[in-house]
Amino acid sequence: GYGSYTIKYADGKTREFFQIGLSANKTGISVYILGIDDKTYLAQTYGKEIGKASVTGYCIRFNHLKDININILEAAIRNGVEMTKDN
């Protein structure tokens, strides 16, 4: 993972997580963008433009780089970092 994101729990405790995560396996590539409060934001904002990918609350999954619009993926990552930079 890349960057740092702090989760604050109701009991006052905190936990550090990566902000942007990458995972590659047999089924493809997953890009995790943590810290976005609205779980529909990624899908609504980037789902139609990114190409052949599955976009969920905090994850963008695709099989091959050629299947997606790299500029849209970059925009999603940059936007996620910007939205959570104060955490």
C-alpha atoms as a PDB file:
ATOM      1  CA  GLY A   1       0.000   0.000   0.000  1.00  0.00           C
ATOM      2  CA  TYR A   2       0.922   3.636  -0.396  1.00  0.00           C
ATOM      3  CA  GLY A   3       0.258   6.642   1.779  1.00  0.00           C
ATOM      4  CA  SER A   4      -1.265   6.665   5.210  1.00  0.00           C
ATOM      5  CA  TYR A   5      -4.867   6.878   6.296  1.00  0.00           C
ATOM      6  CA  THR A   6      -5.997   6.986   9.929  1.00  0.00           C
ATOM      7  CA  ILE A   7      -9.335   5.474  10.879  1.00  0.00           C
ATOM      8  CA  LYS A   8     -10.904   7.029  13.966  1.00  0.00           C
ATOM      9  CA  TYR A   9     -13.285   4.799  15.905  1.00  0.00           C
ATOM     10  CA  ALA A  10     -16.175   5.947  18.109  1.00  0.00           C
ATOM     11  CA  ASP A  11     -14.307   4.835  21.239  1.00  0.00           C
ATOM     12  CA  GLY A  12     -11.479   7.254  20.452  1.00  0.00           C
ATOM     13  CA  LYS A  13      -8.999   4.625  19.229  1.00  0.00           C
ATOM     14  CA  THR A  14      -7.270   5.027  15.881  1.00  0.00           C
ATOM     15  CA  ARG A  15      -5.719   2.628  13.414  1.00  0.00           C
ATOM     16  CA  GLU A  16      -3.346   3.322  10.523  1.00  0.00           C
ATOM     17  CA  PHE A  17      -4.054   1.884   7.076  1.00  0.00           C
ATOM     18  CA  PHE A  18      -2.580   2.418   3.642  1.00  0.00           C
ATOM     19  CA  GLN A  19      -4.447   4.958   1.561  1.00  0.00           C
ATOM     20  CA  ILE A  20      -3.900   3.414  -1.877  1.00  0.00           C
ATOM     21  CA  GLY A  21      -3.404  -0.327  -2.239  1.00  0.00           C
ATOM     22  CA  LEU A  22      -2.506  -2.503  -5.210  1.00  0.00           C
ATOM     23  CA  SER A  23      -3.047  -6.230  -5.519  1.00  0.00           C
ATOM     24  CA  ALA A  24      -2.337  -8.450  -8.499  1.00  0.00           C
ATOM     25  CA  ASN A  25      -3.331 -12.105  -8.752  1.00  0.00           C
ATOM     26  CA  LYS A  26      -4.581 -14.686 -11.274  1.00  0.00           C
ATOM     27  CA  THR A  27      -7.907 -12.921 -11.714  1.00  0.00           C
ATOM     28  CA  GLY A  28      -6.506  -9.465 -12.392  1.00  0.00           C
ATOM     29  CA  ILE A  29      -5.505  -6.248 -10.670  1.00  0.00           C
ATOM     30  CA  SER A  30      -7.253  -4.504  -7.791  1.00  0.00           C
ATOM     31  CA  VAL A  31      -6.666  -0.881  -6.823  1.00  0.00           C
ATOM     32  CA  TYR A  32      -7.980   0.033  -3.372  1.00  0.00           C
ATOM     33  CA  ILE A  33      -8.714   3.662  -2.526  1.00  0.00           C
ATOM     34  CA  LEU A  34      -9.432   3.835   1.190  1.00  0.00           C
ATOM     35  CA  GLY A  35     -10.991   6.618   3.195  1.00  0.00           C
ATOM     36  CA  ILE A  36     -13.775   7.799   0.903  1.00  0.00           C
ATOM     37  CA  ASP A  37     -16.862   8.163   3.093  1.00  0.00           C
ATOM     38  CA  ASP A  38     -19.463   7.810   0.338  1.00  0.00           C
ATOM     39  CA  LYS A  39     -19.308   4.163  -0.788  1.00  0.00           C
ATOM     40  CA  THR A  40     -21.115   4.977  -4.047  1.00  0.00           C
ATOM     41  CA  TYR A  41     -18.737   7.782  -5.058  1.00  0.00           C
ATOM     42  CA  LEU A  42     -16.178   5.769  -7.063  1.00  0.00           C
ATOM     43  CA  ALA A  43     -18.785   3.846  -9.045  1.00  0.00           C
ATOM     44  CA  GLN A  44     -20.912   6.917  -9.762  1.00  0.00           C
ATOM     45  CA  THR A  45     -17.993   9.160 -10.663  1.00  0.00           C
ATOM     46  CA  TYR A  46     -15.670   6.804 -12.571  1.00  0.00           C
ATOM     47  CA  GLY A  47     -17.610   3.588 -13.283  1.00  0.00           C
ATOM     48  CA  LYS A  48     -18.912   4.491 -16.735  1.00  0.00           C
ATOM     49  CA  GLU A  49     -15.703   6.084 -18.028  1.00  0.00           C
ATOM     50  CA  ILE A  50     -13.027   3.720 -16.716  1.00  0.00           C
ATOM     51  CA  GLY A  51     -13.697   0.921 -19.189  1.00  0.00           C
ATOM     52  CA  LYS A  52     -13.915  -2.803 -18.555  1.00  0.00           C
ATOM     53  CA  ALA A  53     -13.622  -2.773 -14.751  1.00  0.00           C
ATOM     54  CA  SER A  54     -15.642  -3.512 -11.649  1.00  0.00           C
ATOM     55  CA  VAL A  55     -15.939  -0.443  -9.439  1.00  0.00           C
ATOM     56  CA  THR A  56     -17.203  -0.849  -5.869  1.00  0.00           C
ATOM     57  CA  GLY A  57     -17.160   1.274  -2.722  1.00  0.00           C
ATOM     58  CA  TYR A  58     -13.380   1.425  -2.408  1.00  0.00           C
ATOM     59  CA  CYS A  59     -12.012  -0.903  -5.096  1.00  0.00           C
ATOM     60  CA  ILE A  60     -11.431  -0.826  -8.852  1.00  0.00           C
ATOM     61  CA  ARG A  61     -10.811  -4.301 -10.346  1.00  0.00           C
ATOM     62  CA  PHE A  62      -9.771  -5.100 -13.908  1.00  0.00           C
ATOM     63  CA  ASN A  63      -8.060  -7.905 -15.798  1.00  0.00           C
ATOM     64  CA  HIS A  64      -5.595  -6.007 -17.979  1.00  0.00           C
ATOM     65  CA  LEU A  65      -4.366  -2.437 -18.213  1.00  0.00           C
ATOM     66  CA  LYS A  66      -5.432  -2.405 -21.854  1.00  0.00           C
ATOM     67  CA  ASP A  67      -9.054  -2.871 -20.681  1.00  0.00           C
ATOM     68  CA  ILE A  68      -9.252   0.446 -18.842  1.00  0.00           C
ATOM     69  CA  ASN A  69      -8.685   4.137 -19.379  1.00  0.00           C
ATOM     70  CA  ILE A  70      -5.472   4.800 -17.424  1.00  0.00           C
ATOM     71  CA  ASN A  71      -6.232   8.530 -17.222  1.00  0.00           C
ATOM     72  CA  ILE A  72      -9.525   7.813 -15.447  1.00  0.00           C
ATOM     73  CA  LEU A  73      -7.798   5.413 -13.027  1.00  0.00           C
ATOM     74  CA  GLU A  74      -5.201   8.079 -12.278  1.00  0.00           C
ATOM     75  CA  ALA A  75      -7.946  10.661 -11.718  1.00  0.00           C
ATOM     76  CA  ALA A  76      -9.755   8.322  -9.299  1.00  0.00           C
ATOM     77  CA  ILE A  77      -6.564   7.721  -7.304  1.00  0.00           C
ATOM     78  CA  ARG A  78      -5.630  11.408  -7.187  1.00  0.00           C
ATOM     79  CA  ASN A  79      -9.159  12.361  -6.202  1.00  0.00           C
ATOM     80  CA  GLY A  80      -9.229   9.743  -3.440  1.00  0.00           C
ATOM     81  CA  VAL A  81      -5.936  11.014  -2.038  1.00  0.00           C
ATOM     82  CA  GLU A  82      -7.163  14.618  -2.197  1.00  0.00           C
ATOM     83  CA  MET A  83     -10.434  13.750  -0.433  1.00  0.00           C
ATOM     84  CA  THR A  84      -8.642  12.082   2.464  1.00  0.00           C
ATOM     85  CA  LYS A  85      -5.456  14.123   2.770  1.00  0.00           C
ATOM     86  CA  ASP A  86      -6.527  15.679   6.078  1.00  0.00           C
ATOM     87  CA  ASN A  87      -6.793  12.268   7.746  1.00  0.00           C
END
